[in-house]
């Protein structure tokens, strides 16, 4: 069996072993942890979020406000 796990810049190749699902999952989590520590913080700091909140007036109030 050959298993290749790649997360970011981290790649692990396991050959010649029979791995169970829990072993593959453990390797994946370890790779993710290593990849997170290798990532430059400048990329994380440049992330920007945006939120918008919209509220509508009830239909009966909106009709009274904008009459022709």
Protein backbone atom coordinates (compact mmCIF):
# COMPACT_ATOMS: atom_id res chain seq x y z
CA UNK A 1 0.00 0.00 0.00
CA UNK A 2 1.22 3.50 -0.80
CA UNK A 3 -0.26 6.54 0.92
CA UNK A 4 0.69 10.11 0.06
CA UNK A 5 -0.59 12.92 2.29
CA UNK A 6 -0.01 16.53 1.29
CA UNK A 7 -1.04 19.53 3.36
CA UNK A 8 0.34 22.87 2.23
CA UNK A 9 4.09 22.45 1.78
CA UNK A 10 4.25 19.26 3.87
CA UNK A 11 4.17 15.89 2.10
CA UNK A 12 4.35 12.47 3.76
CA UNK A 13 4.68 9.26 1.73
CA UNK A 14 4.21 5.88 3.40
CA UNK A 15 4.98 2.74 1.39
CA UNK A 16 4.86 -0.93 2.27
CA UNK A 17 2.68 -0.64 5.36
CA UNK A 18 -0.96 -1.53 5.83
CA UNK A 19 -2.49 1.52 7.47
CA UNK A 20 -5.86 1.67 9.12
CA UNK A 21 -8.12 4.66 8.75
CA UNK A 22 -7.17 5.97 12.22
CA UNK A 23 -3.47 5.93 11.27
CA UNK A 24 -4.09 7.90 8.08
CA UNK A 25 -6.20 10.39 10.01
CA UNK A 26 -3.44 10.79 12.65
CA UNK A 27 -0.86 11.43 9.91
CA UNK A 28 -3.16 13.96 8.28
CA UNK A 29 -3.63 15.85 11.55
CA UNK A 30 0.13 15.83 12.20
CA UNK A 31 0.81 17.16 8.69
CA UNK A 32 -1.79 19.89 9.16
CA UNK A 33 -0.17 20.96 12.43
CA UNK A 34 3.27 21.14 10.85
CA UNK A 35 1.95 23.00 7.80
CA UNK A 36 0.21 25.54 10.06
CA UNK A 37 3.45 26.29 11.89
CA UNK A 38 5.39 26.65 8.63
CA UNK A 39 2.93 29.14 7.09
CA UNK A 40 4.19 32.73 7.24
CA UNK A 41 2.19 34.96 9.55
CA UNK A 42 2.07 37.75 6.95
CA UNK A 43 -0.47 35.76 4.95
CA UNK A 44 -2.66 35.24 7.99
CA UNK A 45 -2.51 38.92 8.94
CA UNK A 46 -3.58 40.08 5.48
CA UNK A 47 -6.94 38.32 5.73
CA UNK A 48 -9.82 40.77 5.99
CA UNK A 49 -13.40 40.04 6.87
CA UNK A 50 -16.57 41.86 5.90
CA UNK A 51 -20.00 41.81 7.51
CA UNK A 52 -23.20 43.51 6.46
CA UNK A 53 -26.45 43.66 8.41
CA UNK A 54 -29.65 44.56 6.61
CA UNK A 55 -32.93 45.19 8.34
CA UNK A 56 -36.21 45.60 6.54
CA UNK A 57 -39.14 47.58 7.84
CA UNK A 58 -42.37 45.65 8.19
CA UNK A 59 -44.44 45.86 4.98
CA UNK A 60 -47.15 48.00 6.57
CA UNK A 61 -44.61 50.61 7.79
CA UNK A 62 -42.71 50.69 4.51
CA UNK A 63 -45.88 51.45 2.53
CA UNK A 64 -46.68 54.47 4.76
CA UNK A 65 -43.19 55.91 4.50
CA UNK A 66 -42.87 56.03 0.69
CA UNK A 67 -46.29 57.08 -0.58
CA UNK A 68 -46.53 58.97 -3.87
